């Protein structure tokens, strides 16, 4: 995944409304009205969020007569997952160090 694509994906994921929209689409395709229903915002605001998600490649919009269903495209999410996975050994080492430290603190407190 290119840096530009990764940047666009992270930028799209940065807003809680867009993350919630993706969660809805993970359950199946939906139109703009259905996606807007849980939020107290206007349809144009939801459309702007959808445009950001579409530009990041996280969703696609179909055309079925007047119905324009939105669908999740999980490929960019998989790329983000792969990118973050390279940091797992660092996180695990830090958690192991923290676990050892907390164990020592508890032993001093109890001892």
PDB file of N, CA and C in Angstrom:
ATOM      1  N   UNK A   1       0.854  -1.176   0.000  1.00  0.00           N
ATOM      2  CA  UNK A   1       0.000   0.000   0.000  1.00  0.00           C
ATOM      3  C   UNK A   1       0.894   1.231   0.000  1.00  0.00           C
ATOM      4  N   UNK A   2       0.577   2.191  -0.850  1.00  0.00           N
ATOM      5  CA  UNK A   2       1.380   3.407  -0.934  1.00  0.00           C
ATOM      6  C   UNK A   2       1.135   4.285   0.291  1.00  0.00           C
ATOM      7  N   UNK A   3       2.095   5.160   0.556  1.00  0.00           N
ATOM      8  CA  UNK A   3       1.968   6.085   1.690  1.00  0.00           C
ATOM      9  C   UNK A   3       0.733   6.975   1.524  1.00  0.00           C
ATOM     10  N   UNK A   4       0.455   7.417   0.309  1.00  0.00           N
ATOM     11  CA  UNK A   4      -0.701   8.278   0.059  1.00  0.00           C
ATOM     12  C   UNK A   4      -1.997   7.551   0.372  1.00  0.00           C
ATOM     13  N   UNK A   5      -2.086   6.301  -0.039  1.00  0.00           N
ATOM     14  CA  UNK A   5      -3.283   5.504   0.227  1.00  0.00           C
ATOM     15  C   UNK A   5      -3.429   5.236   1.716  1.00  0.00           C
ATOM     16  N   UNK A   6      -2.324   4.918   2.369  1.00  0.00           N
ATOM     17  CA  UNK A   6      -2.348   4.686   3.811  1.00  0.00           C
ATOM     18  C   UNK A   6      -2.775   5.958   4.547  1.00  0.00           C
ATOM     19  N   UNK A   7      -2.256   7.107   4.127  1.00  0.00           N
ATOM     20  CA  UNK A   7      -2.647   8.386   4.729  1.00  0.00           C
ATOM     21  C   UNK A   7      -4.139   8.633   4.565  1.00  0.00           C
ATOM     22  N   UNK A   8      -4.669   8.388   3.378  1.00  0.00           N
ATOM     23  CA  UNK A   8      -6.098   8.603   3.119  1.00  0.00           C
ATOM     24  C   UNK A   8      -6.947   7.673   3.970  1.00  0.00           C
ATOM     25  N   UNK A   9      -6.491   6.444   4.137  1.00  0.00           N
ATOM     26  CA  UNK A   9      -7.243   5.482   4.952  1.00  0.00           C
ATOM     27  C   UNK A   9      -7.269   5.923   6.407  1.00  0.00           C
ATOM     28  N   UNK A  10      -6.107   6.288   6.956  1.00  0.00           N
ATOM     29  CA  UNK A  10      -6.071   6.752   8.343  1.00  0.00           C
ATOM     30  C   UNK A  10      -6.892   8.027   8.525  1.00  0.00           C
ATOM     31  N   UNK A  11      -6.833   8.940   7.574  1.00  0.00           N
ATOM     32  CA  UNK A  11      -7.619  10.178   7.662  1.00  0.00           C
ATOM     33  C   UNK A  11      -9.108   9.861   7.665  1.00  0.00           C
ATOM     34  N   UNK A  12      -9.521   8.932   6.839  1.00  0.00           N
ATOM     35  CA  UNK A  12     -10.938   8.552   6.793  1.00  0.00           C
ATOM     36  C   UNK A  12     -11.370   7.882   8.096  1.00  0.00           C
ATOM     37  N   UNK A  13     -10.494   7.095   8.681  1.00  0.00           N
ATOM     38  CA  UNK A  13     -10.812   6.394   9.929  1.00  0.00           C
ATOM     39  C   UNK A  13     -10.748   7.305  11.144  1.00  0.00           C
ATOM     40  N   UNK A  14     -10.209   8.503  10.985  1.00  0.00           N
ATOM     41  CA  UNK A  14     -10.012   9.405  12.121  1.00  0.00           C
ATOM     42  C   UNK A  14     -11.324   9.952  12.695  1.00  0.00           C
ATOM     43  N   UNK A  15     -12.380   9.916  11.933  1.00  0.00           N
ATOM     44  CA  UNK A  15     -13.650  10.495  12.405  1.00  0.00           C
ATOM     45  C   UNK A  15     -14.581   9.387  12.904  1.00  0.00           C
ATOM     46  N   UNK A  16     -15.153   9.555  14.103  1.00  0.00           N
ATOM     47  CA  UNK A  16     -16.008   8.494  14.666  1.00  0.00           C
ATOM     48  C   UNK A  16     -17.253   8.195  13.825  1.00  0.00           C
ATOM     49  N   UNK A  17     -17.802   9.200  13.165  1.00  0.00           N
ATOM     50  CA  UNK A  17     -18.980   8.945  12.324  1.00  0.00           C
ATOM     51  C   UNK A  17     -18.609   8.030  11.169  1.00  0.00           C
ATOM     52  N   UNK A  18     -17.454   8.261  10.569  1.00  0.00           N
ATOM     53  CA  UNK A  18     -17.046   7.402   9.446  1.00  0.00           C
ATOM     54  C   UNK A  18     -16.761   5.980   9.926  1.00  0.00           C
ATOM     55  N   UNK A  19     -16.164   5.845  11.110  1.00  0.00           N
ATOM     56  CA  UNK A  19     -15.942   4.489  11.646  1.00  0.00           C
ATOM     57  C   UNK A  19     -17.273   3.791  11.907  1.00  0.00           C
ATOM     58  N   UNK A  20     -18.252   4.540  12.403  1.00  0.00           N
ATOM     59  CA  UNK A  20     -19.579   3.960  12.648  1.00  0.00           C
ATOM     60  C   UNK A  20     -20.257   3.564  11.335  1.00  0.00           C
ATOM     61  N   UNK A  21     -20.082   4.367  10.316  1.00  0.00           N
ATOM     62  CA  UNK A  21     -20.643   4.030   8.997  1.00  0.00           C
ATOM     63  C   UNK A  21     -20.015   2.729   8.493  1.00  0.00           C
ATOM     64  N   UNK A  22     -18.699   2.600   8.638  1.00  0.00           N
ATOM     65  CA  UNK A  22     -18.039   1.361   8.209  1.00  0.00           C
ATOM     66  C   UNK A  22     -18.564   0.164   8.999  1.00  0.00           C
ATOM     67  N   UNK A  23     -18.804   0.363  10.290  1.00  0.00           N
ATOM     68  CA  UNK A  23     -19.359  -0.727  11.111  1.00  0.00           C
ATOM     69  C   UNK A  23     -20.736  -1.132  10.604  1.00  0.00           C
ATOM     70  N   UNK A  24     -21.548  -0.145  10.219  1.00  0.00           N
ATOM     71  CA  UNK A  24     -22.861  -0.458   9.649  1.00  0.00           C
ATOM     72  C   UNK A  24     -22.710  -1.243   8.352  1.00  0.00           C
ATOM     73  N   UNK A  25     -21.797  -0.799   7.501  1.00  0.00           N
ATOM     74  CA  UNK A  25     -21.624  -1.460   6.206  1.00  0.00           C
ATOM     75  C   UNK A  25     -21.011  -2.852   6.352  1.00  0.00           C
ATOM     76  N   UNK A  26     -20.343  -3.110   7.454  1.00  0.00           N
ATOM     77  CA  UNK A  26     -19.819  -4.456   7.696  1.00  0.00           C
ATOM     78  C   UNK A  26     -20.965  -5.461   7.858  1.00  0.00           C
ATOM     79  N   UNK A  27     -22.157  -4.955   8.188  1.00  0.00           N
ATOM     80  CA  UNK A  27     -23.335  -5.816   8.329  1.00  0.00           C
ATOM     81  C   UNK A  27     -24.034  -6.057   6.996  1.00  0.00           C
ATOM     82  N   UNK A  28     -23.674  -5.262   5.987  1.00  0.00           N
ATOM     83  CA  UNK A  28     -24.287  -5.399   4.669  1.00  0.00           C
ATOM     84  C   UNK A  28     -24.464  -4.037   4.025  1.00  0.00           C
ATOM     85  N   UNK A  29     -24.767  -4.036   2.743  1.00  0.00           N
ATOM     86  CA  UNK A  29     -24.902  -2.785   2.013  1.00  0.00           C
ATOM     87  C   UNK A  29     -26.093  -1.991   2.532  1.00  0.00           C
ATOM     88  N   UNK A  30     -26.030  -0.672   2.325  1.00  0.00           N
ATOM     89  CA  UNK A  30     -27.101   0.217   2.783  1.00  0.00           C
ATOM     90  C   UNK A  30     -27.086   1.477   1.933  1.00  0.00           C
ATOM     91  N   UNK A  31     -28.243   2.156   1.897  1.00  0.00           N
ATOM     92  CA  UNK A  31     -28.296   3.426   1.174  1.00  0.00           C
ATOM     93  C   UNK A  31     -28.008   4.573   2.140  1.00  0.00           C
ATOM     94  N   UNK A  32     -27.920   5.779   1.596  1.00  0.00           N
ATOM     95  CA  UNK A  32     -27.550   6.947   2.400  1.00  0.00           C
ATOM     96  C   UNK A  32     -28.553   7.176   3.533  1.00  0.00           C
ATOM     97  N   UNK A  33     -29.833   7.029   3.249  1.00  0.00           N
ATOM     98  CA  UNK A  33     -30.848   7.247   4.289  1.00  0.00           C
ATOM     99  C   UNK A  33     -30.668   6.277   5.450  1.00  0.00           C
ATOM    100  N   UNK A  34     -30.428   5.027   5.141  1.00  0.00           N
ATOM    101  CA  UNK A  34     -30.236   4.033   6.202  1.00  0.00           C
ATOM    102  C   UNK A  34     -28.969   4.324   6.997  1.00  0.00           C
ATOM    103  N   UNK A  35     -27.920   4.760   6.307  1.00  0.00           N
ATOM    104  CA  UNK A  35     -26.663   5.071   6.997  1.00  0.00           C
ATOM    105  C   UNK A  35     -26.799   6.311   7.875  1.00  0.00           C
ATOM    106  N   UNK A  36     -27.626   7.271   7.451  1.00  0.00           N
ATOM    107  CA  UNK A  36     -27.789   8.519   8.198  1.00  0.00           C
ATOM    108  C   UNK A  36     -28.681   8.362   9.425  1.00  0.00           C
ATOM    109  N   UNK A  37     -29.535   7.360   9.430  1.00  0.00           N
ATOM    110  CA  UNK A  37     -30.551   7.202  10.466  1.00  0.00           C
ATOM    111  C   UNK A  37     -30.011   7.277  11.905  1.00  0.00           C
ATOM    112  N   UNK A  38     -28.920   6.589  12.246  1.00  0.00           N
ATOM    113  CA  UNK A  38     -28.467   6.620  13.648  1.00  0.00           C
ATOM    114  C   UNK A  38     -27.829   7.946  14.090  1.00  0.00           C
ATOM    115  N   UNK A  39     -27.573   8.842  13.168  1.00  0.00           N
ATOM    116  CA  UNK A  39     -26.844  10.069  13.474  1.00  0.00           C
ATOM    117  C   UNK A  39     -27.786  11.272  13.444  1.00  0.00           C
ATOM    118  N   UNK A  40     -27.507  12.252  14.260  1.00  0.00           N
ATOM    119  CA  UNK A  40     -28.298  13.469  14.279  1.00  0.00           C
ATOM    120  C   UNK A  40     -27.721  14.524  13.346  1.00  0.00           C
ATOM    121  N   UNK A  41     -27.377  14.112  12.135  1.00  0.00           N
ATOM    122  CA  UNK A  41     -26.805  15.049  11.173  1.00  0.00           C
ATOM    123  C   UNK A  41     -27.599  14.981   9.868  1.00  0.00           C
ATOM    124  N   UNK A  42     -27.386  15.980   9.039  1.00  0.00           N
ATOM    125  CA  UNK A  42     -28.122  16.070   7.778  1.00  0.00           C
ATOM    126  C   UNK A  42     -27.618  15.047   6.762  1.00  0.00           C
ATOM    127  N   UNK A  43     -28.439  14.793   5.759  1.00  0.00           N
ATOM    128  CA  UNK A  43     -28.028  13.909   4.666  1.00  0.00           C
ATOM    129  C   UNK A  43     -26.806  14.448   3.926  1.00  0.00           C
ATOM    130  N   UNK A  44     -26.721  15.772   3.686  1.00  0.00           N
ATOM    131  CA  UNK A  44     -25.501  16.273   3.047  1.00  0.00           C
ATOM    132  C   UNK A  44     -24.238  16.007   3.880  1.00  0.00           C
ATOM    133  N   UNK A  45     -24.363  16.070   5.204  1.00  0.00           N
ATOM    134  CA  UNK A  45     -23.204  15.775   6.062  1.00  0.00           C
ATOM    135  C   UNK A  45     -22.797  14.310   5.922  1.00  0.00           C
ATOM    136  N   UNK A  46     -23.764  13.411   5.910  1.00  0.00           N
ATOM    137  CA  UNK A  46     -23.464  11.988   5.721  1.00  0.00           C
ATOM    138  C   UNK A  46     -22.863  11.772   4.345  1.00  0.00           C
ATOM    139  N   UNK A  47     -23.392  12.460   3.337  1.00  0.00           N
ATOM    140  CA  UNK A  47     -22.844  12.331   1.983  1.00  0.00           C
ATOM    141  C   UNK A  47     -21.379  12.763   1.927  1.00  0.00           C
ATOM    142  N   UNK A  48     -21.030  13.798   2.682  1.00  0.00           N
ATOM    143  CA  UNK A  48     -19.625  14.226   2.719  1.00  0.00           C
ATOM    144  C   UNK A  48     -18.747  13.149   3.368  1.00  0.00           C
ATOM    145  N   UNK A  49     -19.246  12.537   4.442  1.00  0.00           N
ATOM    146  CA  UNK A  49     -18.506  11.442   5.074  1.00  0.00           C
ATOM    147  C   UNK A  49     -18.338  10.282   4.089  1.00  0.00           C
ATOM    148  N   UNK A  50     -19.398   9.972   3.355  1.00  0.00           N
ATOM    149  CA  UNK A  50     -19.328   8.890   2.375  1.00  0.00           C
ATOM    150  C   UNK A  50     -18.323   9.199   1.276  1.00  0.00           C
ATOM    151  N   UNK A  51     -18.247  10.455   0.881  1.00  0.00           N
ATOM    152  CA  UNK A  51     -17.298  10.849  -0.152  1.00  0.00           C
ATOM    153  C   UNK A  51     -15.858  10.624   0.334  1.00  0.00           C
ATOM    154  N   UNK A  52     -15.584  10.965   1.594  1.00  0.00           N
ATOM    155  CA  UNK A  52     -14.244  10.734   2.155  1.00  0.00           C
ATOM    156  C   UNK A  52     -13.936   9.239   2.174  1.00  0.00           C
ATOM    157  N   UNK A  53     -14.899   8.441   2.606  1.00  0.00           N
ATOM    158  CA  UNK A  53     -14.710   6.981   2.647  1.00  0.00           C
ATOM    159  C   UNK A  53     -14.504   6.412   1.241  1.00  0.00           C
ATOM    160  N   UNK A  54     -15.256   6.937   0.288  1.00  0.00           N
ATOM    161  CA  UNK A  54     -15.135   6.465  -1.093  1.00  0.00           C
ATOM    162  C   UNK A  54     -13.773   6.855  -1.684  1.00  0.00           C
ATOM    163  N   UNK A  55     -13.331   8.069  -1.426  1.00  0.00           N
ATOM    164  CA  UNK A  55     -12.030   8.510  -1.938  1.00  0.00           C
ATOM    165  C   UNK A  55     -10.888   7.706  -1.332  1.00  0.00           C
ATOM    166  N   UNK A  56     -11.065   7.240  -0.104  1.00  0.00           N
ATOM    167  CA  UNK A  56     -10.051   6.413   0.549  1.00  0.00           C
ATOM    168  C   UNK A  56     -10.137   4.958   0.097  1.00  0.00           C
ATOM    169  N   UNK A  57     -11.150   4.635  -0.702  1.00  0.00           N
ATOM    170  CA  UNK A  57     -11.312   3.264  -1.194  1.00  0.00           C
ATOM    171  C   UNK A  57     -11.951   2.330  -0.193  1.00  0.00           C
ATOM    172  N   UNK A  58     -12.512   2.878   0.885  1.00  0.00           N
ATOM    173  CA  UNK A  58     -13.113   2.051   1.927  1.00  0.00           C
ATOM    174  C   UNK A  58     -14.542   1.621   1.608  1.00  0.00           C
ATOM    175  N   UNK A  59     -15.193   2.345   0.716  1.00  0.00           N
ATOM    176  CA  UNK A  59     -16.542   1.959   0.285  1.00  0.00           C
ATOM    177  C   UNK A  59     -16.643   2.132  -1.224  1.00  0.00           C
ATOM    178  N   UNK A  60     -17.646   1.489  -1.777  1.00  0.00           N
ATOM    179  CA  UNK A  60     -18.002   1.704  -3.171  1.00  0.00           C
ATOM    180  C   UNK A  60     -19.505   1.934  -3.213  1.00  0.00           C
ATOM    181  N   UNK A  61     -19.932   2.639  -4.235  1.00  0.00           N
ATOM    182  CA  UNK A  61     -21.360   2.906  -4.399  1.00  0.00           C
ATOM    183  C   UNK A  61     -21.829   2.268  -5.687  1.00  0.00           C
ATOM    184  N   UNK A  62     -22.896   1.530  -5.566  1.00  0.00           N
ATOM    185  CA  UNK A  62     -23.473   0.876  -6.739  1.00  0.00           C
ATOM    186  C   UNK A  62     -24.553   1.729  -7.355  1.00  0.00           C
ATOM    187  N   UNK A  63     -25.139   1.205  -8.391  1.00  0.00           N
ATOM    188  CA  UNK A  63     -26.245   1.891  -9.049  1.00  0.00           C
ATOM    189  C   UNK A  63     -27.258   0.831  -9.417  1.00  0.00           C
ATOM    190  N   UNK A  64     -28.393   0.875  -8.756  1.00  0.00           N
ATOM    191  CA  UNK A  64     -29.483  -0.050  -9.030  1.00  0.00           C
ATOM    192  C   UNK A  64     -30.744   0.792  -9.161  1.00  0.00           C
ATOM    193  N   UNK A  65     -31.011   1.251 -10.372  1.00  0.00           N
ATOM    194  CA  UNK A  65     -32.102   2.195 -10.651  1.00  0.00           C
ATOM    195  C   UNK A  65     -31.863   3.454  -9.821  1.00  0.00           C
ATOM    196  N   UNK A  66     -32.807   3.820  -8.966  1.00  0.00           N
ATOM    197  CA  UNK A  66     -32.644   5.020  -8.147  1.00  0.00           C
ATOM    198  C   UNK A  66     -31.944   4.713  -6.826  1.00  0.00           C
ATOM    199  N   UNK A  67     -31.765   3.472  -6.532  1.00  0.00           N
ATOM    200  CA  UNK A  67     -31.126   3.033  -5.288  1.00  0.00           C
ATOM    201  C   UNK A  67     -29.621   2.973  -5.511  1.00  0.00           C
ATOM    202  N   UNK A  68     -28.856   3.687  -4.691  1.00  0.00           N
ATOM    203  CA  UNK A  68     -27.393   3.693  -4.805  1.00  0.00           C
ATOM    204  C   UNK A  68     -26.806   3.080  -3.542  1.00  0.00           C
ATOM    205  N   UNK A  69     -26.756   1.761  -3.476  1.00  0.00           N
ATOM    206  CA  UNK A  69     -26.261   1.120  -2.256  1.00  0.00           C
ATOM    207  C   UNK A  69     -24.761   1.353  -2.059  1.00  0.00           C
ATOM    208  N   UNK A  70     -24.384   1.506  -0.809  1.00  0.00           N
ATOM    209  CA  UNK A  70     -22.971   1.619  -0.438  1.00  0.00           C
ATOM    210  C   UNK A  70     -22.524   0.261   0.075  1.00  0.00           C
ATOM    211  N   UNK A  71     -21.300  -0.105  -0.277  1.00  0.00           N
ATOM    212  CA  UNK A  71     -20.732  -1.392   0.151  1.00  0.00           C
ATOM    213  C   UNK A  71     -19.358  -1.153   0.749  1.00  0.00           C
ATOM    214  N   UNK A  72     -19.032  -1.947   1.740  1.00  0.00           N
ATOM    215  CA  UNK A  72     -17.722  -1.892   2.367  1.00  0.00           C
ATOM    216  C   UNK A  72     -16.683  -2.531   1.460  1.00  0.00           C
ATOM    217  N   UNK A  73     -15.538  -1.891   1.356  1.00  0.00           N
ATOM    218  CA  UNK A  73     -14.379  -2.481   0.688  1.00  0.00           C
ATOM    219  C   UNK A  73     -13.316  -2.631   1.771  1.00  0.00           C
ATOM    220  N   UNK A  74     -13.101  -3.839   2.232  1.00  0.00           N
ATOM    221  CA  UNK A  74     -12.229  -4.073   3.384  1.00  0.00           C
ATOM    222  C   UNK A  74     -10.750  -4.115   3.034  1.00  0.00           C
ATOM    223  N   UNK A  75     -10.386  -4.075   1.767  1.00  0.00           N
ATOM    224  CA  UNK A  75      -8.974  -4.187   1.381  1.00  0.00           C
ATOM    225  C   UNK A  75      -8.092  -3.119   2.047  1.00  0.00           C
ATOM    226  N   UNK A  76      -8.502  -1.840   2.065  1.00  0.00           N
ATOM    227  CA  UNK A  76      -7.655  -0.866   2.749  1.00  0.00           C
ATOM    228  C   UNK A  76      -7.514  -1.144   4.249  1.00  0.00           C
ATOM    229  N   UNK A  77      -8.539  -1.702   4.858  1.00  0.00           N
ATOM    230  CA  UNK A  77      -8.452  -2.050   6.280  1.00  0.00           C
ATOM    231  C   UNK A  77      -7.452  -3.181   6.493  1.00  0.00           C
ATOM    232  N   UNK A  78      -7.417  -4.122   5.576  1.00  0.00           N
ATOM    233  CA  UNK A  78      -6.439  -5.210   5.658  1.00  0.00           C
ATOM    234  C   UNK A  78      -5.029  -4.654   5.512  1.00  0.00           C
ATOM    235  N   UNK A  79      -4.858  -3.676   4.635  1.00  0.00           N
ATOM    236  CA  UNK A  79      -3.542  -3.063   4.453  1.00  0.00           C
ATOM    237  C   UNK A  79      -3.107  -2.331   5.717  1.00  0.00           C
ATOM    238  N   UNK A  80      -4.032  -1.647   6.377  1.00  0.00           N
ATOM    239  CA  UNK A  80      -3.708  -0.978   7.647  1.00  0.00           C
ATOM    240  C   UNK A  80      -3.327  -2.024   8.693  1.00  0.00           C
ATOM    241  N   UNK A  81      -4.071  -3.106   8.734  1.00  0.00           N
ATOM    242  CA  UNK A  81      -3.762  -4.173   9.677  1.00  0.00           C
ATOM    243  C   UNK A  81      -2.366  -4.740   9.441  1.00  0.00           C
ATOM    244  N   UNK A  82      -2.028  -4.963   8.187  1.00  0.00           N
ATOM    245  CA  UNK A  82      -0.694  -5.469   7.853  1.00  0.00           C
ATOM    246  C   UNK A  82       0.390  -4.469   8.244  1.00  0.00           C
ATOM    247  N   UNK A  83       0.128  -3.196   8.022  1.00  0.00           N
ATOM    248  CA  UNK A  83       1.107  -2.168   8.367  1.00  0.00           C
ATOM    249  C   UNK A  83       1.334  -2.109   9.881  1.00  0.00           C
ATOM    250  N   UNK A  84       0.244  -2.165  10.650  1.00  0.00           N
ATOM    251  CA  UNK A  84       0.383  -2.090  12.108  1.00  0.00           C
ATOM    252  C   UNK A  84       0.979  -3.357  12.693  1.00  0.00           C
ATOM    253  N   UNK A  85       0.823  -4.460  12.011  1.00  0.00           N
ATOM    254  CA  UNK A  85       1.330  -5.743  12.510  1.00  0.00           C
ATOM    255  C   UNK A  85       2.844  -5.724  12.695  1.00  0.00           C
ATOM    256  N   UNK A  86       3.543  -4.926  11.906  1.00  0.00           N
ATOM    257  CA  UNK A  86       4.999  -4.867  12.029  1.00  0.00           C
ATOM    258  C   UNK A  86       5.442  -4.317  13.387  1.00  0.00           C
ATOM    259  N   UNK A  87       4.526  -3.644  14.093  1.00  0.00           N
ATOM    260  CA  UNK A  87       4.855  -3.071  15.398  1.00  0.00           C
ATOM    261  C   UNK A  87       4.482  -3.980  16.568  1.00  0.00           C
ATOM    262  N   UNK A  88       3.852  -5.105  16.280  1.00  0.00           N
ATOM    263  CA  UNK A  88       3.415  -6.019  17.340  1.00  0.00           C
ATOM    264  C   UNK A  88       4.557  -6.445  18.259  1.00  0.00           C
ATOM    265  N   UNK A  89       5.725  -6.833  17.759  1.00  0.00           N
ATOM    266  CA  UNK A  89       6.808  -7.240  18.673  1.00  0.00           C
ATOM    267  C   UNK A  89       7.213  -6.126  19.654  1.00  0.00           C
ATOM    268  N   UNK A  90       7.171  -4.899  19.208  1.00  0.00           N
ATOM    269  CA  UNK A  90       7.508  -3.777  20.090  1.00  0.00           C
ATOM    270  C   UNK A  90       6.475  -3.653  21.203  1.00  0.00           C
ATOM    271  N   UNK A  91       5.188  -3.692  20.820  1.00  0.00           N
ATOM    272  CA  UNK A  91       4.122  -3.575  21.821  1.00  0.00           C
ATOM    273  C   UNK A  91       4.193  -4.720  22.819  1.00  0.00           C
ATOM    274  N   UNK A  92       4.380  -5.932  22.315  1.00  0.00           N
ATOM    275  CA  UNK A  92       4.426  -7.090  23.207  1.00  0.00           C
ATOM    276  C   UNK A  92       5.596  -6.994  24.175  1.00  0.00           C
ATOM    277  N   UNK A  93       6.752  -6.541  23.705  1.00  0.00           N
ATOM    278  CA  UNK A  93       7.908  -6.391  24.590  1.00  0.00           C
ATOM    279  C   UNK A  93       7.619  -5.346  25.664  1.00  0.00           C
ATOM    280  N   UNK A  94       6.995  -4.268  25.296  1.00  0.00           N
ATOM    281  CA  UNK A  94       6.670  -3.223  26.277  1.00  0.00           C
ATOM    282  C   UNK A  94       5.641  -3.706  27.284  1.00  0.00           C
ATOM    283  N   UNK A  95       4.654  -4.452  26.832  1.00  0.00           N
ATOM    284  CA  UNK A  95       3.669  -4.993  27.767  1.00  0.00           C
ATOM    285  C   UNK A  95       4.318  -6.013  28.708  1.00  0.00           C
ATOM    286  N   UNK A  96       5.231  -6.807  28.189  1.00  0.00           N
ATOM    287  CA  UNK A  96       5.942  -7.758  29.043  1.00  0.00           C
ATOM    288  C   UNK A  96       6.754  -7.025  30.109  1.00  0.00           C
ATOM    289  N   UNK A  97       7.412  -5.948  29.715  1.00  0.00           N
ATOM    290  CA  UNK A  97       8.190  -5.144  30.664  1.00  0.00           C
ATOM    291  C   UNK A  97       7.271  -4.531  31.713  1.00  0.00           C
ATOM    292  N   UNK A  98       6.133  -4.016  31.277  1.00  0.00           N
ATOM    293  CA  UNK A  98       5.184  -3.419  32.212  1.00  0.00           C
ATOM    294  C   UNK A  98       4.636  -4.480  33.169  1.00  0.00           C
ATOM    295  N   UNK A  99       4.339  -5.658  32.649  1.00  0.00           N
ATOM    296  CA  UNK A  99       3.835  -6.745  33.490  1.00  0.00           C
ATOM    297  C   UNK A  99       4.851  -7.104  34.567  1.00  0.00           C
ATOM    298  N   UNK A 100       6.114  -7.203  34.198  1.00  0.00           N
ATOM    299  CA  UNK A 100       7.167  -7.522  35.159  1.00  0.00           C
ATOM    300  C   UNK A 100       7.278  -6.422  36.213  1.00  0.00           C
ATOM    301  N   UNK A 101       7.219  -5.178  35.793  1.00  0.00           N
ATOM    302  CA  UNK A 101       7.299  -4.050  36.722  1.00  0.00           C
ATOM    303  C   UNK A 101       6.141  -4.091  37.709  1.00  0.00           C
ATOM    304  N   UNK A 102       4.929  -4.305  37.227  1.00  0.00           N
ATOM    305  CA  UNK A 102       3.760  -4.358  38.106  1.00  0.00           C
ATOM    306  C   UNK A 102       3.854  -5.527  39.089  1.00  0.00           C
ATOM    307  N   UNK A 103       4.390  -6.616  38.633  1.00  0.00           N
ATOM    308  CA  UNK A 103       4.583  -7.768  39.511  1.00  0.00           C
ATOM    309  C   UNK A 103       5.542  -7.402  40.647  1.00  0.00           C
ATOM    310  N   UNK A 104       6.624  -6.723  40.319  1.00  0.00           N
ATOM    311  CA  UNK A 104       7.594  -6.298  41.333  1.00  0.00           C
ATOM    312  C   UNK A 104       6.984  -5.308  42.308  1.00  0.00           C
ATOM    313  N   UNK A 105       6.168  -4.387  41.831  1.00  0.00           N
ATOM    314  CA  UNK A 105       5.505  -3.412  42.693  1.00  0.00           C
ATOM    315  C   UNK A 105       4.560  -4.129  43.661  1.00  0.00           C
ATOM    316  N   UNK A 106       3.797  -5.090  43.146  1.00  0.00           N
ATOM    317  CA  UNK A 106       2.867  -5.836  44.004  1.00  0.00           C
ATOM    318  C   UNK A 106       3.617  -6.621  45.074  1.00  0.00           C
ATOM    319  N   UNK A 107       4.730  -7.234  44.685  1.00  0.00           N
ATOM    320  CA  UNK A 107       5.515  -8.018  45.634  1.00  0.00           C
ATOM    321  C   UNK A 107       6.080  -7.121  46.740  1.00  0.00           C
ATOM    322  N   UNK A 108       6.535  -5.940  46.404  1.00  0.00           N
ATOM    323  CA  UNK A 108       7.054  -4.999  47.405  1.00  0.00           C
ATOM    324  C   UNK A 108       5.938  -4.552  48.343  1.00  0.00           C
ATOM    325  N   UNK A 109       4.766  -4.305  47.766  1.00  0.00           N
ATOM    326  CA  UNK A 109       3.622  -3.863  48.555  1.00  0.00           C
ATOM    327  C   UNK A 109       3.162  -4.956  49.509  1.00  0.00           C
ATOM    328  N   UNK A 110       3.103  -6.181  49.017  1.00  0.00           N
ATOM    329  CA  UNK A 110       2.637  -7.307  49.822  1.00  0.00           C
ATOM    330  C   UNK A 110       3.710  -7.838  50.769  1.00  0.00           C
ATOM    331  N   UNK A 111       4.987  -7.577  50.427  1.00  0.00           N
ATOM    332  CA  UNK A 111       6.103  -8.143  51.195  1.00  0.00           C
ATOM    333  C   UNK A 111       6.510  -7.280  52.297  1.00  0.00           C
TER     334      UNK A 111
END
